[in-house]
Amino acid sequence: MKIEFNKIDDDVAREKLGSLYYQNGYFYKIVCNDVEIGITGYCKIQENFCNINYFIYPEFRNKQTKGLLLAVIYFPRKLNFTGCLILTTLKKLQKVLNRMKKYGVVFKGLVENYSCFLINYERR
């Protein structure tokens, strides 16, 4: 599976993400096997540390793979981040992330009804 991340303008991200859009982010189209399947955003929350959001278009949600998720959570390394944070309320994503300890994904607890996961790239 060939996965690419293509930078997009803030205006495009704002239009596609709506309320999921945030300022001061880095936004990319997720392209899998030459087909755009979603958008991901990385927001700097501390020096060299980011928050990850990603949105897979509805018609591709059942086609997500572990490889795709790993590509999304490890892409910030290429942007010189040393770690990232993932907050989610989606039970299915929580279950998958809980099984990814060998990839450096660590469950840190609940934050305002969100499951909080941390990845430290420097330890990998």
Protein backbone atom coordinates (compact mmCIF):
# COMPACT_ATOMS: atom_id res chain seq x y z
CA MET A 1 0.00 0.00 0.00
CA LYS A 2 1.45 3.36 -1.08
CA ILE A 3 0.56 6.18 1.34
CA GLU A 4 1.41 9.82 0.67
CA PHE A 5 0.77 13.05 2.54
CA ASN A 6 0.27 16.11 0.33
CA LYS A 7 0.24 19.56 1.96
CA ILE A 8 -3.00 21.52 1.57
CA ASP A 9 -3.88 25.15 2.22
CA ASP A 10 -5.65 26.21 5.40
CA ASP A 11 -8.72 27.30 3.42
CA VAL A 12 -9.14 23.82 1.92
CA ALA A 13 -8.65 22.20 5.32
CA ARG A 14 -11.18 24.56 6.93
CA GLU A 15 -13.74 23.79 4.21
CA LYS A 16 -13.33 20.00 4.43
CA LEU A 17 -12.93 19.68 8.20
CA GLY A 18 -15.44 22.24 9.44
CA SER A 19 -15.49 22.19 13.26
CA LEU A 20 -12.50 19.80 13.32
CA TYR A 21 -10.29 22.52 11.83
CA TYR A 22 -7.87 24.35 14.11
CA GLN A 23 -5.57 27.29 13.53
CA ASN A 24 -1.79 26.93 13.54
CA GLY A 25 -1.99 23.43 12.14
CA TYR A 26 -0.23 21.58 9.35
CA PHE A 27 -2.77 19.90 7.06
CA TYR A 28 -2.25 17.14 4.52
CA LYS A 29 -4.38 15.09 2.16
CA ILE A 30 -3.99 11.39 2.85
CA VAL A 31 -3.49 9.67 -0.51
CA CYS A 32 -3.55 5.89 -0.57
CA ASN A 33 -2.71 4.10 -3.83
CA ASP A 34 -3.25 7.39 -5.72
CA VAL A 35 -6.73 7.95 -4.22
CA GLU A 36 -7.45 10.75 -1.72
CA ILE A 37 -9.05 9.05 1.29
CA GLY A 38 -8.94 11.75 3.97
CA ILE A 39 -7.16 14.61 5.69
CA THR A 40 -4.81 14.71 8.64
CA GLY A 41 -3.78 17.68 10.73
CA TYR A 42 -0.94 18.20 13.16
CA CYS A 43 -1.05 21.04 15.66
CA LYS A 44 2.00 22.11 17.65
CA ILE A 45 1.10 22.04 21.36
CA GLN A 46 4.61 22.32 22.81
CA GLU A 47 8.10 22.66 21.41
CA ASN A 48 8.57 19.64 19.10
CA PHE A 49 5.31 18.02 20.28
CA CYS A 50 2.02 17.88 18.36
CA ASN A 51 -1.59 16.80 18.53
CA ILE A 52 -2.87 14.59 15.70
CA ASN A 53 -6.31 14.75 14.11
CA TYR A 54 -7.31 12.76 11.12
CA PHE A 55 -10.49 12.44 9.16
CA ILE A 56 -11.13 9.57 6.76
CA TYR A 57 -13.88 10.19 4.22
CA PRO A 58 -16.99 8.06 4.98
CA GLU A 59 -16.65 5.86 1.90
CA PHE A 60 -13.16 4.75 3.02
CA ARG A 61 -13.71 4.28 6.76
CA ASN A 62 -14.14 0.51 6.50
CA LYS A 63 -10.89 0.22 4.54
CA GLN A 64 -8.55 1.58 7.20
CA THR A 65 -5.54 -0.57 8.04
CA LYS A 66 -2.91 -0.70 10.75
CA GLY A 67 -0.40 0.44 8.11
CA LEU A 68 -2.44 3.56 7.40
CA LEU A 69 -2.77 4.41 11.09
CA LEU A 70 0.97 3.90 11.63
CA ALA A 71 1.73 6.16 8.67
CA VAL A 72 -0.52 8.89 10.12
CA ILE A 73 0.91 8.72 13.63
CA TYR A 74 4.55 8.55 12.50
CA PHE A 75 4.38 11.26 9.80
CA PRO A 76 5.07 14.06 12.36
CA ARG A 77 8.62 12.69 12.72
CA LYS A 78 9.24 14.00 9.20
CA LEU A 79 8.07 17.42 10.42
CA ASN A 80 10.70 17.31 13.22
CA PHE A 81 8.28 16.60 16.04
CA THR A 82 9.64 14.34 18.80
CA GLY A 83 6.26 13.14 20.04
CA CYS A 84 2.53 13.37 19.57
CA LEU A 85 -0.75 13.15 21.38
CA ILE A 86 -3.94 11.50 20.16
CA LEU A 87 -7.29 12.18 21.83
CA THR A 88 -10.29 10.11 20.80
CA THR A 89 -13.77 9.10 21.88
CA LEU A 90 -14.10 6.44 19.16
CA LYS A 91 -14.20 3.01 20.81
CA LYS A 92 -12.87 1.24 17.72
CA LEU A 93 -9.84 3.55 17.50
CA GLN A 94 -9.23 3.23 21.26
CA LYS A 95 -9.16 -0.55 20.90
CA VAL A 96 -6.69 -0.42 17.99
CA LEU A 97 -4.42 2.10 19.73
CA ASN A 98 -4.40 0.02 22.93
CA ARG A 99 -2.96 -2.87 20.89
CA MET A 100 -0.12 -0.75 19.48
CA LYS A 101 2.20 -0.68 22.49
CA LYS A 102 5.01 -2.32 20.51
CA TYR A 103 4.89 0.69 18.17
CA GLY A 104 5.35 3.13 21.05
CA VAL A 105 1.69 4.05 21.57
CA VAL A 106 0.96 4.46 25.29
CA PHE A 107 -2.46 4.99 26.88
CA LYS A 108 -2.16 7.85 29.40
CA GLY A 109 -5.72 7.98 30.74
CA LEU A 110 -8.91 9.96 30.25
CA VAL A 111 -9.01 13.71 29.63
CA GLU A 112 -12.53 15.19 29.62
CA ASN A 113 -14.10 11.95 28.25
CA TYR A 114 -11.35 11.50 25.65
CA SER A 115 -8.93 8.59 25.74
CA CYS A 116 -5.44 10.07 25.64
CA PHE A 117 -2.59 8.27 23.85
CA LEU A 118 1.04 9.40 23.67
CA ILE A 119 3.81 8.50 21.23
CA ASN A 120 7.41 9.51 21.94
CA TYR A 121 9.42 9.18 18.71
CA GLU A 122 12.75 9.57 20.51
CA ARG A 123 12.22 6.27 22.33
CA ARG A 124 11.60 4.35 19.11
